[in-house]
Amino acid sequence: MLSQENRLKKKKEFEAVFKGGRIVRGNSFFLKFLDNGTNRTKIGFVVSKKVSKKAVERNKVKRRLREATREKKDDIDKGLSIVIVALPVIKDLSFEEIKKETDVLFKKGGLIK
């Protein structure tokens, strides 16, 4: 689980990333990221009802994404705001597949040291 200090929570933080951030696309989710001007990296997750109508399944996807990014937290460059947006395909993937795609997208975006 990501610590509270490493999560994007406020609507303004999400809007800033969506408005001015760069994007890296994958098969089951995409990342938007932006420099936040601090020395702390914050990560937010968006799993809409397009992924699943059931809250249980959406929450499961969020938990998997949080855990996959938590493991990479120390390798990610400091001072970024990152939003991970899940696509409907993600609910059919295993946790290992999500971890692999997370690694690929972080490397592709140049977010890992």
PDB file of N, CA and C in Angstrom:
ATOM      1  N   MET A   1       0.832  -1.172   0.000  1.00  0.00           N
ATOM      2  CA  MET A   1       0.000   0.000   0.000  1.00  0.00           C
ATOM      3  C   MET A   1       0.888   1.251   0.000  1.00  0.00           C
ATOM      4  N   LEU A   2       0.548   2.214  -0.812  1.00  0.00           N
ATOM      5  CA  LEU A   2       1.274   3.478  -0.824  1.00  0.00           C
ATOM      6  C   LEU A   2       0.933   4.279   0.423  1.00  0.00           C
ATOM      7  N   SER A   3       1.919   4.955   0.986  1.00  0.00           N
ATOM      8  CA  SER A   3       1.654   5.778   2.161  1.00  0.00           C
ATOM      9  C   SER A   3       0.816   6.994   1.760  1.00  0.00           C
ATOM     10  N   GLN A   4       0.130   7.571   2.727  1.00  0.00           N
ATOM     11  CA  GLN A   4      -0.754   8.704   2.472  1.00  0.00           C
ATOM     12  C   GLN A   4      -0.004   9.884   1.857  1.00  0.00           C
ATOM     13  N   GLU A   5       1.230  10.098   2.266  1.00  0.00           N
ATOM     14  CA  GLU A   5       1.992  11.237   1.766  1.00  0.00           C
ATOM     15  C   GLU A   5       2.406  11.073   0.311  1.00  0.00           C
ATOM     16  N   ASN A   6       2.304   9.867  -0.226  1.00  0.00           N
ATOM     17  CA  ASN A   6       2.684   9.604  -1.615  1.00  0.00           C
ATOM     18  C   ASN A   6       1.481   9.442  -2.540  1.00  0.00           C
ATOM     19  N   ARG A   7       0.298   9.861  -2.091  1.00  0.00           N
ATOM     20  CA  ARG A   7      -0.900   9.732  -2.922  1.00  0.00           C
ATOM     21  C   ARG A   7      -1.418  11.094  -3.357  1.00  0.00           C
ATOM     22  N   LEU A   8      -1.864  11.162  -4.592  1.00  0.00           N
ATOM     23  CA  LEU A   8      -2.596  12.332  -5.057  1.00  0.00           C
ATOM     24  C   LEU A   8      -4.020  12.188  -4.551  1.00  0.00           C
ATOM     25  N   LYS A   9      -4.542  13.232  -3.913  1.00  0.00           N
ATOM     26  CA  LYS A   9      -5.887  13.129  -3.368  1.00  0.00           C
ATOM     27  C   LYS A   9      -6.798  14.267  -3.808  1.00  0.00           C
ATOM     28  N   LYS A  10      -6.235  15.438  -3.992  1.00  0.00           N
ATOM     29  CA  LYS A  10      -7.045  16.613  -4.270  1.00  0.00           C
ATOM     30  C   LYS A  10      -7.375  16.733  -5.752  1.00  0.00           C
ATOM     31  N   LYS A  11      -8.576  17.241  -6.005  1.00  0.00           N
ATOM     32  CA  LYS A  11      -9.039  17.411  -7.377  1.00  0.00           C
ATOM     33  C   LYS A  11      -8.108  18.323  -8.168  1.00  0.00           C
ATOM     34  N   LYS A  12      -7.598  19.381  -7.529  1.00  0.00           N
ATOM     35  CA  LYS A  12      -6.700  20.315  -8.210  1.00  0.00           C
ATOM     36  C   LYS A  12      -5.409  19.633  -8.652  1.00  0.00           C
ATOM     37  N   GLU A  13      -4.908  18.700  -7.832  1.00  0.00           N
ATOM     38  CA  GLU A  13      -3.687  17.970  -8.191  1.00  0.00           C
ATOM     39  C   GLU A  13      -3.921  17.105  -9.432  1.00  0.00           C
ATOM     40  N   PHE A  14      -5.060  16.405  -9.458  1.00  0.00           N
ATOM     41  CA  PHE A  14      -5.392  15.576 -10.621  1.00  0.00           C
ATOM     42  C   PHE A  14      -5.562  16.450 -11.869  1.00  0.00           C
ATOM     43  N   GLU A  15      -6.274  17.567 -11.725  1.00  0.00           N
ATOM     44  CA  GLU A  15      -6.521  18.449 -12.862  1.00  0.00           C
ATOM     45  C   GLU A  15      -5.222  19.001 -13.430  1.00  0.00           C
ATOM     46  N   ALA A  16      -4.283  19.365 -12.558  1.00  0.00           N
ATOM     47  CA  ALA A  16      -3.007  19.900 -13.022  1.00  0.00           C
ATOM     48  C   ALA A  16      -2.261  18.876 -13.862  1.00  0.00           C
ATOM     49  N   VAL A  17      -2.264  17.629 -13.424  1.00  0.00           N
ATOM     50  CA  VAL A  17      -1.573  16.571 -14.179  1.00  0.00           C
ATOM     51  C   VAL A  17      -2.275  16.324 -15.507  1.00  0.00           C
ATOM     52  N   PHE A  18      -3.611  16.271 -15.503  1.00  0.00           N
ATOM     53  CA  PHE A  18      -4.328  16.022 -16.753  1.00  0.00           C
ATOM     54  C   PHE A  18      -4.172  17.177 -17.729  1.00  0.00           C
ATOM     55  N   LYS A  19      -4.085  18.386 -17.221  1.00  0.00           N
ATOM     56  CA  LYS A  19      -3.994  19.553 -18.083  1.00  0.00           C
ATOM     57  C   LYS A  19      -2.606  19.720 -18.700  1.00  0.00           C
ATOM     58  N   GLY A  20      -1.554  19.542 -17.897  1.00  0.00           N
ATOM     59  CA  GLY A  20      -0.225  19.847 -18.404  1.00  0.00           C
ATOM     60  C   GLY A  20       0.749  18.704 -18.448  1.00  0.00           C
ATOM     61  N   GLY A  21       0.315  17.499 -18.113  1.00  0.00           N
ATOM     62  CA  GLY A  21       1.244  16.382 -18.023  1.00  0.00           C
ATOM     63  C   GLY A  21       1.549  15.704 -19.340  1.00  0.00           C
ATOM     64  N   ARG A  22       2.660  14.983 -19.335  1.00  0.00           N
ATOM     65  CA  ARG A  22       3.029  14.148 -20.480  1.00  0.00           C
ATOM     66  C   ARG A  22       2.384  12.782 -20.309  1.00  0.00           C
ATOM     67  N   ILE A  23       2.214  12.069 -21.414  1.00  0.00           N
ATOM     68  CA  ILE A  23       1.487  10.798 -21.373  1.00  0.00           C
ATOM     69  C   ILE A  23       2.354   9.662 -21.915  1.00  0.00           C
ATOM     70  N   VAL A  24       2.196   8.484 -21.288  1.00  0.00           N
ATOM     71  CA  VAL A  24       2.829   7.256 -21.755  1.00  0.00           C
ATOM     72  C   VAL A  24       1.728   6.197 -21.793  1.00  0.00           C
ATOM     73  N   ARG A  25       1.495   5.630 -22.961  1.00  0.00           N
ATOM     74  CA  ARG A  25       0.382   4.687 -23.139  1.00  0.00           C
ATOM     75  C   ARG A  25       0.862   3.237 -23.120  1.00  0.00           C
ATOM     76  N   GLY A  26       0.005   2.396 -22.524  1.00  0.00           N
ATOM     77  CA  GLY A  26       0.228   0.962 -22.524  1.00  0.00           C
ATOM     78  C   GLY A  26      -1.022   0.261 -23.021  1.00  0.00           C
ATOM     79  N   ASN A  27      -1.035  -1.057 -22.931  1.00  0.00           N
ATOM     80  CA  ASN A  27      -2.187  -1.821 -23.399  1.00  0.00           C
ATOM     81  C   ASN A  27      -3.355  -1.782 -22.419  1.00  0.00           C
ATOM     82  N   SER A  28      -3.066  -1.815 -21.118  1.00  0.00           N
ATOM     83  CA  SER A  28      -4.143  -1.917 -20.132  1.00  0.00           C
ATOM     84  C   SER A  28      -4.297  -0.676 -19.262  1.00  0.00           C
ATOM     85  N   PHE A  29      -3.355   0.248 -19.320  1.00  0.00           N
ATOM     86  CA  PHE A  29      -3.488   1.532 -18.629  1.00  0.00           C
ATOM     87  C   PHE A  29      -2.490   2.521 -19.204  1.00  0.00           C
ATOM     88  N   PHE A  30      -2.648   3.784 -18.834  1.00  0.00           N
ATOM     89  CA  PHE A  30      -1.675   4.784 -19.254  1.00  0.00           C
ATOM     90  C   PHE A  30      -1.326   5.687 -18.089  1.00  0.00           C
ATOM     91  N   LEU A  31      -0.155   6.325 -18.214  1.00  0.00           N
ATOM     92  CA  LEU A  31       0.347   7.230 -17.180  1.00  0.00           C
ATOM     93  C   LEU A  31       0.326   8.648 -17.712  1.00  0.00           C
ATOM     94  N   LYS A  32      -0.008   9.581 -16.838  1.00  0.00           N
ATOM     95  CA  LYS A  32       0.207  10.996 -17.108  1.00  0.00           C
ATOM     96  C   LYS A  32       1.067  11.490 -15.967  1.00  0.00           C
ATOM     97  N   PHE A  33       2.118  12.257 -16.276  1.00  0.00           N
ATOM     98  CA  PHE A  33       3.001  12.719 -15.214  1.00  0.00           C
ATOM     99  C   PHE A  33       3.441  14.144 -15.461  1.00  0.00           C
ATOM    100  N   LEU A  34       3.761  14.819 -14.355  1.00  0.00           N
ATOM    101  CA  LEU A  34       4.100  16.230 -14.369  1.00  0.00           C
ATOM    102  C   LEU A  34       5.017  16.518 -13.198  1.00  0.00           C
ATOM    103  N   ASP A  35       5.963  17.404 -13.392  1.00  0.00           N
ATOM    104  CA  ASP A  35       6.836  17.830 -12.300  1.00  0.00           C
ATOM    105  C   ASP A  35       6.007  18.657 -11.317  1.00  0.00           C
ATOM    106  N   ASN A  36       6.072  18.311 -10.013  1.00  0.00           N
ATOM    107  CA  ASN A  36       5.232  19.007  -9.035  1.00  0.00           C
ATOM    108  C   ASN A  36       5.981  20.043  -8.207  1.00  0.00           C
ATOM    109  N   GLY A  37       7.263  20.227  -8.441  1.00  0.00           N
ATOM    110  CA  GLY A  37       8.017  21.268  -7.762  1.00  0.00           C
ATOM    111  C   GLY A  37       8.387  20.967  -6.319  1.00  0.00           C
ATOM    112  N   THR A  38       8.186  19.740  -5.870  1.00  0.00           N
ATOM    113  CA  THR A  38       8.591  19.339  -4.519  1.00  0.00           C
ATOM    114  C   THR A  38       9.593  18.201  -4.635  1.00  0.00           C
ATOM    115  N   ASN A  39      10.040  17.691  -3.507  1.00  0.00           N
ATOM    116  CA  ASN A  39      10.953  16.545  -3.552  1.00  0.00           C
ATOM    117  C   ASN A  39      10.226  15.238  -3.260  1.00  0.00           C
ATOM    118  N   ARG A  40       8.908  15.256  -3.318  1.00  0.00           N
ATOM    119  CA  ARG A  40       8.096  14.074  -3.036  1.00  0.00           C
ATOM    120  C   ARG A  40       7.305  13.668  -4.279  1.00  0.00           C
ATOM    121  N   THR A  41       7.311  12.391  -4.582  1.00  0.00           N
ATOM    122  CA  THR A  41       6.530  11.869  -5.696  1.00  0.00           C
ATOM    123  C   THR A  41       5.154  11.474  -5.188  1.00  0.00           C
ATOM    124  N   LYS A  42       4.125  11.913  -5.918  1.00  0.00           N
ATOM    125  CA  LYS A  42       2.749  11.577  -5.555  1.00  0.00           C
ATOM    126  C   LYS A  42       2.105  10.837  -6.717  1.00  0.00           C
ATOM    127  N   ILE A  43       1.334   9.795  -6.382  1.00  0.00           N
ATOM    128  CA  ILE A  43       0.716   8.959  -7.403  1.00  0.00           C
ATOM    129  C   ILE A  43      -0.782   8.852  -7.126  1.00  0.00           C
ATOM    130  N   GLY A  44      -1.587   9.021  -8.172  1.00  0.00           N
ATOM    131  CA  GLY A  44      -3.033   8.872  -8.080  1.00  0.00           C
ATOM    132  C   GLY A  44      -3.511   7.831  -9.071  1.00  0.00           C
ATOM    133  N   PHE A  45      -4.681   7.271  -8.801  1.00  0.00           N
ATOM    134  CA  PHE A  45      -5.221   6.199  -9.638  1.00  0.00           C
ATOM    135  C   PHE A  45      -6.645   6.528 -10.048  1.00  0.00           C
ATOM    136  N   VAL A  46      -6.968   6.244 -11.325  1.00  0.00           N
ATOM    137  CA  VAL A  46      -8.313   6.450 -11.841  1.00  0.00           C
ATOM    138  C   VAL A  46      -8.775   5.133 -12.450  1.00  0.00           C
ATOM    139  N   VAL A  47      -9.848   4.580 -11.878  1.00  0.00           N
ATOM    140  CA  VAL A  47     -10.453   3.358 -12.410  1.00  0.00           C
ATOM    141  C   VAL A  47     -11.940   3.651 -12.543  1.00  0.00           C
ATOM    142  N   SER A  48     -12.385   3.915 -13.761  1.00  0.00           N
ATOM    143  CA  SER A  48     -13.755   4.353 -13.979  1.00  0.00           C
ATOM    144  C   SER A  48     -14.718   3.173 -14.102  1.00  0.00           C
ATOM    145  N   LYS A  49     -15.990   3.500 -14.221  1.00  0.00           N
ATOM    146  CA  LYS A  49     -17.011   2.469 -14.385  1.00  0.00           C
ATOM    147  C   LYS A  49     -16.935   1.799 -15.755  1.00  0.00           C
ATOM    148  N   LYS A  50     -16.144   2.352 -16.655  1.00  0.00           N
ATOM    149  CA  LYS A  50     -15.918   1.689 -17.944  1.00  0.00           C
ATOM    150  C   LYS A  50     -15.120   0.408 -17.745  1.00  0.00           C
ATOM    151  N   VAL A  51     -14.297   0.377 -16.708  1.00  0.00           N
ATOM    152  CA  VAL A  51     -13.515  -0.825 -16.398  1.00  0.00           C
ATOM    153  C   VAL A  51     -14.452  -1.915 -15.904  1.00  0.00           C
ATOM    154  N   SER A  52     -15.308  -1.572 -14.948  1.00  0.00           N
ATOM    155  CA  SER A  52     -16.286  -2.514 -14.422  1.00  0.00           C
ATOM    156  C   SER A  52     -17.377  -1.744 -13.708  1.00  0.00           C
ATOM    157  N   LYS A  53     -18.588  -2.216 -13.801  1.00  0.00           N
ATOM    158  CA  LYS A  53     -19.701  -1.594 -13.086  1.00  0.00           C
ATOM    159  C   LYS A  53     -19.642  -1.921 -11.598  1.00  0.00           C
ATOM    160  N   LYS A  54     -18.939  -2.997 -11.254  1.00  0.00           N
ATOM    161  CA  LYS A  54     -18.881  -3.449  -9.862  1.00  0.00           C
ATOM    162  C   LYS A  54     -17.741  -2.777  -9.121  1.00  0.00           C
ATOM    163  N   ALA A  55     -18.060  -2.143  -7.999  1.00  0.00           N
ATOM    164  CA  ALA A  55     -17.056  -1.456  -7.182  1.00  0.00           C
ATOM    165  C   ALA A  55     -15.996  -2.430  -6.679  1.00  0.00           C
ATOM    166  N   VAL A  56     -16.392  -3.654  -6.409  1.00  0.00           N
ATOM    167  CA  VAL A  56     -15.452  -4.661  -5.917  1.00  0.00           C
ATOM    168  C   VAL A  56     -14.326  -4.878  -6.936  1.00  0.00           C
ATOM    169  N   GLU A  57     -14.684  -4.985  -8.198  1.00  0.00           N
ATOM    170  CA  GLU A  57     -13.681  -5.209  -9.235  1.00  0.00           C
ATOM    171  C   GLU A  57     -12.817  -3.967  -9.456  1.00  0.00           C
ATOM    172  N   ARG A  58     -13.428  -2.779  -9.409  1.00  0.00           N
ATOM    173  CA  ARG A  58     -12.643  -1.543  -9.566  1.00  0.00           C
ATOM    174  C   ARG A  58     -11.648  -1.390  -8.425  1.00  0.00           C
ATOM    175  N   ASN A  59     -12.077  -1.686  -7.204  1.00  0.00           N
ATOM    176  CA  ASN A  59     -11.187  -1.589  -6.054  1.00  0.00           C
ATOM    177  C   ASN A  59     -10.050  -2.601  -6.133  1.00  0.00           C
ATOM    178  N   LYS A  60     -10.350  -3.785  -6.644  1.00  0.00           N
ATOM    179  CA  LYS A  60      -9.315  -4.807  -6.818  1.00  0.00           C
ATOM    180  C   LYS A  60      -8.244  -4.323  -7.803  1.00  0.00           C
ATOM    181  N   VAL A  61      -8.674  -3.689  -8.884  1.00  0.00           N
ATOM    182  CA  VAL A  61      -7.738  -3.144  -9.861  1.00  0.00           C
ATOM    183  C   VAL A  61      -6.887  -2.056  -9.211  1.00  0.00           C
ATOM    184  N   LYS A  62      -7.509  -1.176  -8.434  1.00  0.00           N
ATOM    185  CA  LYS A  62      -6.760  -0.107  -7.753  1.00  0.00           C
ATOM    186  C   LYS A  62      -5.735  -0.677  -6.781  1.00  0.00           C
ATOM    187  N   ARG A  63      -6.121  -1.693  -6.029  1.00  0.00           N
ATOM    188  CA  ARG A  63      -5.186  -2.306  -5.077  1.00  0.00           C
ATOM    189  C   ARG A  63      -3.992  -2.903  -5.804  1.00  0.00           C
ATOM    190  N   ARG A  64      -4.242  -3.563  -6.915  1.00  0.00           N
ATOM    191  CA  ARG A  64      -3.149  -4.163  -7.689  1.00  0.00           C
ATOM    192  C   ARG A  64      -2.223  -3.092  -8.253  1.00  0.00           C
ATOM    193  N   LEU A  65      -2.796  -2.025  -8.779  1.00  0.00           N
ATOM    194  CA  LEU A  65      -1.968  -0.938  -9.312  1.00  0.00           C
ATOM    195  C   LEU A  65      -1.160  -0.274  -8.200  1.00  0.00           C
ATOM    196  N   ARG A  66      -1.773  -0.064  -7.046  1.00  0.00           N
ATOM    197  CA  ARG A  66      -1.057   0.548  -5.920  1.00  0.00           C
ATOM    198  C   ARG A  66       0.125  -0.297  -5.488  1.00  0.00           C
ATOM    199  N   GLU A  67      -0.092  -1.595  -5.400  1.00  0.00           N
ATOM    200  CA  GLU A  67       0.991  -2.485  -4.972  1.00  0.00           C
ATOM    201  C   GLU A  67       2.105  -2.532  -6.014  1.00  0.00           C
ATOM    202  N   ALA A  68       1.746  -2.577  -7.288  1.00  0.00           N
ATOM    203  CA  ALA A  68       2.758  -2.616  -8.347  1.00  0.00           C
ATOM    204  C   ALA A  68       3.599  -1.338  -8.338  1.00  0.00           C
ATOM    205  N   THR A  69       2.982  -0.184  -8.081  1.00  0.00           N
ATOM    206  CA  THR A  69       3.740   1.060  -8.044  1.00  0.00           C
ATOM    207  C   THR A  69       4.492   1.224  -6.726  1.00  0.00           C
ATOM    208  N   ARG A  70       3.962   0.691  -5.644  1.00  0.00           N
ATOM    209  CA  ARG A  70       4.653   0.779  -4.353  1.00  0.00           C
ATOM    210  C   ARG A  70       6.016   0.111  -4.423  1.00  0.00           C
ATOM    211  N   GLU A  71       6.073  -1.011  -5.110  1.00  0.00           N
ATOM    212  CA  GLU A  71       7.335  -1.733  -5.244  1.00  0.00           C
ATOM    213  C   GLU A  71       8.365  -0.924  -6.040  1.00  0.00           C
ATOM    214  N   LYS A  72       7.917  -0.043  -6.910  1.00  0.00           N
ATOM    215  CA  LYS A  72       8.805   0.776  -7.744  1.00  0.00           C
ATOM    216  C   LYS A  72       9.029   2.165  -7.152  1.00  0.00           C
ATOM    217  N   LYS A  73       8.363   2.496  -6.052  1.00  0.00           N
ATOM    218  CA  LYS A  73       8.366   3.849  -5.496  1.00  0.00           C
ATOM    219  C   LYS A  73       9.769   4.406  -5.280  1.00  0.00           C
ATOM    220  N   ASP A  74      10.680   3.596  -4.775  1.00  0.00           N
ATOM    221  CA  ASP A  74      12.032   4.074  -4.477  1.00  0.00           C
ATOM    222  C   ASP A  74      12.861   4.317  -5.734  1.00  0.00           C
ATOM    223  N   ASP A  75      12.495   3.669  -6.835  1.00  0.00           N
ATOM    224  CA  ASP A  75      13.241   3.835  -8.092  1.00  0.00           C
ATOM    225  C   ASP A  75      12.749   5.015  -8.922  1.00  0.00           C
ATOM    226  N   ILE A  76      11.539   5.503  -8.647  1.00  0.00           N
ATOM    227  CA  ILE A  76      10.954   6.589  -9.428  1.00  0.00           C
ATOM    228  C   ILE A  76      11.618   7.907  -9.051  1.00  0.00           C
ATOM    229  N   ASP A  77      11.856   8.745 -10.050  1.00  0.00           N
ATOM    230  CA  ASP A  77      12.437  10.068  -9.813  1.00  0.00           C
ATOM    231  C   ASP A  77      11.594  10.858  -8.829  1.00  0.00           C
ATOM    232  N   LYS A  78      12.236  11.681  -8.024  1.00  0.00           N
ATOM    233  CA  LYS A  78      11.545  12.495  -7.019  1.00  0.00           C
ATOM    234  C   LYS A  78      10.919  13.728  -7.672  1.00  0.00           C
ATOM    235  N   GLY A  79       9.849  14.228  -7.068  1.00  0.00           N
ATOM    236  CA  GLY A  79       9.239  15.473  -7.505  1.00  0.00           C
ATOM    237  C   GLY A  79       8.269  15.351  -8.658  1.00  0.00           C
ATOM    238  N   LEU A  80       7.627  14.213  -8.801  1.00  0.00           N
ATOM    239  CA  LEU A  80       6.666  14.014  -9.878  1.00  0.00           C
ATOM    240  C   LEU A  80       5.268  13.787  -9.313  1.00  0.00           C
ATOM    241  N   SER A  81       4.271  14.227 -10.063  1.00  0.00           N
ATOM    242  CA  SER A  81       2.884  13.851  -9.812  1.00  0.00           C
ATOM    243  C   SER A  81       2.490  12.921 -10.956  1.00  0.00           C
ATOM    244  N   ILE A  82       2.051  11.726 -10.611  1.00  0.00           N
ATOM    245  CA  ILE A  82       1.733  10.708 -11.616  1.00  0.00           C
ATOM    246  C   ILE A  82       0.291  10.267 -11.434  1.00  0.00           C
ATOM    247  N   VAL A  83      -0.455  10.200 -12.540  1.00  0.00           N
ATOM    248  CA  VAL A  83      -1.814   9.655 -12.512  1.00  0.00           C
ATOM    249  C   VAL A  83      -1.817   8.432 -13.414  1.00  0.00           C
ATOM    250  N   ILE A  84      -2.309   7.313 -12.872  1.00  0.00           N
ATOM    251  CA  ILE A  84      -2.420   6.070 -13.634  1.00  0.00           C
ATOM    252  C   ILE A  84      -3.900   5.836 -13.911  1.00  0.00           C
ATOM    253  N   VAL A  85      -4.251   5.759 -15.196  1.00  0.00           N
ATOM    254  CA  VAL A  85      -5.641   5.603 -15.611  1.00  0.00           C
ATOM    255  C   VAL A  85      -5.811   4.215 -16.220  1.00  0.00           C
ATOM    256  N   ALA A  86      -6.670   3.419 -15.600  1.00  0.00           N
ATOM    257  CA  ALA A  86      -6.900   2.039 -16.051  1.00  0.00           C
ATOM    258  C   ALA A  86      -7.854   2.009 -17.243  1.00  0.00           C
ATOM    259  N   LEU A  87      -7.586   1.097 -18.158  1.00  0.00           N
ATOM    260  CA  LEU A  87      -8.454   0.842 -19.294  1.00  0.00           C
ATOM    261  C   LEU A  87      -9.220  -0.464 -19.039  1.00  0.00           C
ATOM    262  N   PRO A  88     -10.353  -0.677 -19.706  1.00  0.00           N
ATOM    263  CA  PRO A  88     -11.194  -1.856 -19.419  1.00  0.00           C
ATOM    264  C   PRO A  88     -10.484  -3.209 -19.519  1.00  0.00           C
ATOM    265  N   VAL A  89      -9.441  -3.310 -20.306  1.00  0.00           N
ATOM    266  CA  VAL A  89      -8.722  -4.573 -20.492  1.00  0.00           C
ATOM    267  C   VAL A  89      -8.048  -5.047 -19.201  1.00  0.00           C
ATOM    268  N   ILE A  90      -7.755  -4.139 -18.295  1.00  0.00           N
ATOM    269  CA  ILE A  90      -6.941  -4.446 -17.117  1.00  0.00           C
ATOM    270  C   ILE A  90      -7.601  -5.450 -16.183  1.00  0.00           C
ATOM    271  N   LYS A  91      -8.924  -5.512 -16.161  1.00  0.00           N
ATOM    272  CA  LYS A  91      -9.579  -6.419 -15.205  1.00  0.00           C
ATOM    273  C   LYS A  91      -9.332  -7.891 -15.518  1.00  0.00           C
ATOM    274  N   ASP A  92      -8.902  -8.186 -16.738  1.00  0.00           N
ATOM    275  CA  ASP A  92      -8.640  -9.570 -17.133  1.00  0.00           C
ATOM    276  C   ASP A  92      -7.184  -9.984 -16.907  1.00  0.00           C
ATOM    277  N   LEU A  93      -6.324  -9.052 -16.480  1.00  0.00           N
ATOM    278  CA  LEU A  93      -4.907  -9.351 -16.307  1.00  0.00           C
ATOM    279  C   LEU A  93      -4.603  -9.846 -14.902  1.00  0.00           C
ATOM    280  N   SER A  94      -3.550 -10.643 -14.798  1.00  0.00           N
ATOM    281  CA  SER A  94      -3.075 -11.085 -13.488  1.00  0.00           C
ATOM    282  C   SER A  94      -2.197  -9.996 -12.885  1.00  0.00           C
ATOM    283  N   PHE A  95      -1.895 -10.123 -11.605  1.00  0.00           N
ATOM    284  CA  PHE A  95      -1.054  -9.144 -10.928  1.00  0.00           C
ATOM    285  C   PHE A  95       0.336  -9.100 -11.550  1.00  0.00           C
ATOM    286  N   GLU A  96       0.875 -10.243 -11.928  1.00  0.00           N
ATOM    287  CA  GLU A  96       2.211 -10.290 -12.543  1.00  0.00           C
ATOM    288  C   GLU A  96       2.240  -9.524 -13.864  1.00  0.00           C
ATOM    289  N   GLU A  97       1.183  -9.659 -14.662  1.00  0.00           N
ATOM    290  CA  GLU A  97       1.118  -8.934 -15.930  1.00  0.00           C
ATOM    291  C   GLU A  97       1.031  -7.425 -15.698  1.00  0.00           C
ATOM    292  N   ILE A  98       0.290  -7.022 -14.662  1.00  0.00           N
ATOM    293  CA  ILE A  98       0.187  -5.599 -14.323  1.00  0.00           C
ATOM    294  C   ILE A  98       1.547  -5.073 -13.880  1.00  0.00           C
ATOM    295  N   LYS A  99       2.274  -5.853 -13.079  1.00  0.00           N
ATOM    296  CA  LYS A  99       3.612  -5.440 -12.633  1.00  0.00           C
ATOM    297  C   LYS A  99       4.552  -5.252 -13.821  1.00  0.00           C
ATOM    298  N   LYS A 100       4.514  -6.194 -14.767  1.00  0.00           N
ATOM    299  CA  LYS A 100       5.383  -6.103 -15.941  1.00  0.00           C
ATOM    300  C   LYS A 100       5.073  -4.851 -16.751  1.00  0.00           C
ATOM    301  N   GLU A 101       3.797  -4.584 -16.954  1.00  0.00           N
ATOM    302  CA  GLU A 101       3.423  -3.411 -17.743  1.00  0.00           C
ATOM    303  C   GLU A 101       3.780  -2.119 -17.004  1.00  0.00           C
ATOM    304  N   THR A 102       3.665  -2.127 -15.685  1.00  0.00           N
ATOM    305  CA  THR A 102       4.068  -0.968 -14.888  1.00  0.00           C
ATOM    306  C   THR A 102       5.552  -0.685 -15.089  1.00  0.00           C
ATOM    307  N   ASP A 103       6.370  -1.725 -15.014  1.00  0.00           N
ATOM    308  CA  ASP A 103       7.810  -1.569 -15.234  1.00  0.00           C
ATOM    309  C   ASP A 103       8.091  -0.990 -16.618  1.00  0.00           C
ATOM    310  N   VAL A 104       7.432  -1.543 -17.622  1.00  0.00           N
ATOM    311  CA  VAL A 104       7.660  -1.107 -19.001  1.00  0.00           C
ATOM    312  C   VAL A 104       7.287   0.368 -19.175  1.00  0.00           C
ATOM    313  N   LEU A 105       6.133   0.767 -18.643  1.00  0.00           N
ATOM    314  CA  LEU A 105       5.689   2.149 -18.827  1.00  0.00           C
ATOM    315  C   LEU A 105       6.550   3.148 -18.063  1.00  0.00           C
ATOM    316  N   PHE A 106       6.983   2.791 -16.850  1.00  0.00           N
ATOM    317  CA  PHE A 106       7.861   3.686 -16.106  1.00  0.00           C
ATOM    318  C   PHE A 106       9.191   3.868 -16.826  1.00  0.00           C
ATOM    319  N   LYS A 107       9.712   2.795 -17.424  1.00  0.00           N
ATOM    320  CA  LYS A 107      10.966   2.899 -18.182  1.00  0.00           C
ATOM    321  C   LYS A 107      10.753   3.689 -19.470  1.00  0.00           C
ATOM    322  N   LYS A 108       9.644   3.422 -20.132  1.00  0.00           N
ATOM    323  CA  LYS A 108       9.336   4.100 -21.393  1.00  0.00           C
ATOM    324  C   LYS A 108       9.196   5.610 -21.193  1.00  0.00           C
ATOM    325  N   GLY A 109       8.627   6.013 -20.068  1.00  0.00           N
ATOM    326  CA  GLY A 109       8.449   7.429 -19.773  1.00  0.00           C
ATOM    327  C   GLY A 109       9.681   8.090 -19.182  1.00  0.00           C
ATOM    328  N   GLY A 110      10.704   7.301 -18.881  1.00  0.00           N
ATOM    329  CA  GLY A 110      11.917   7.844 -18.284  1.00  0.00           C
ATOM    330  C   GLY A 110      11.725   8.252 -16.836  1.00  0.00           C
ATOM    331  N   LEU A 111      10.811   7.599 -16.137  1.00  0.00           N
ATOM    332  CA  LEU A 111      10.507   7.946 -14.744  1.00  0.00           C
ATOM    333  C   LEU A 111      11.388   7.220 -13.751  1.00  0.00           C
ATOM    334  N   ILE A 112      12.049   6.152 -14.180  1.00  0.00           N
ATOM    335  CA  ILE A 112      12.899   5.382 -13.282  1.00  0.00           C
ATOM    336  C   ILE A 112      14.331   5.850 -13.441  1.00  0.00           C
ATOM    337  N   LYS A 113      15.017   5.964 -12.317  1.00  0.00           N
ATOM    338  CA  LYS A 113      16.420   6.424 -12.303  1.00  0.00           C
ATOM    339  C   LYS A 113      17.301   5.527 -13.128  1.00  0.00           C
TER     340      LYS A 113
END
